[in-house]
Amino acid sequence: QVQLVESGGGLVQAGGSLRLSCAASGNIFSINAMGWYRQAPGKQRELVATITSGGSANYADSVKGRFTISRDNANNMVYLQMNSLKPEDTAVYYCNAQIVVRSSATTTGYRYLAAWGPGTRITVSS
């Protein structure tokens, strides 16, 4: 029903910048919070940043001041601008969205989905 697709990953040197994009598509009525998570090798997935539909952002302490999350509500997009990248930022980055879809199977007429993208890999070399 819904799909998230990330783009913008790759290899970058420490101190460099990258911009991730995530597009949500499908039978979407609205999107509440959107966010970015990451999973480094051998570690659990962790929150990087989230943003509400109104534009309020929240960041992990490890990325504050370096990363900026933004979104385009009209086009169901979310972005992550990453500056001053460090080797410890190396991970697979996943887009997440809290999506509302219309549904005839519920009494409210809506369903709430937590959608994930397949991930995009970022490698920061020292």
Foldseek 3Di string as FASTA:
>chain_A
DKAKAKDWADEAAAQAKIKMKIFMDDQFPFWFKKAKWWDAPPGDIGGAKMAGPVGDMDGDPVQPPFKDWDADRVGRMIMIIGGRDDQVVWTWMKMWIFTWGADPVDPVRIDTDIDIHPTDTHGYHD
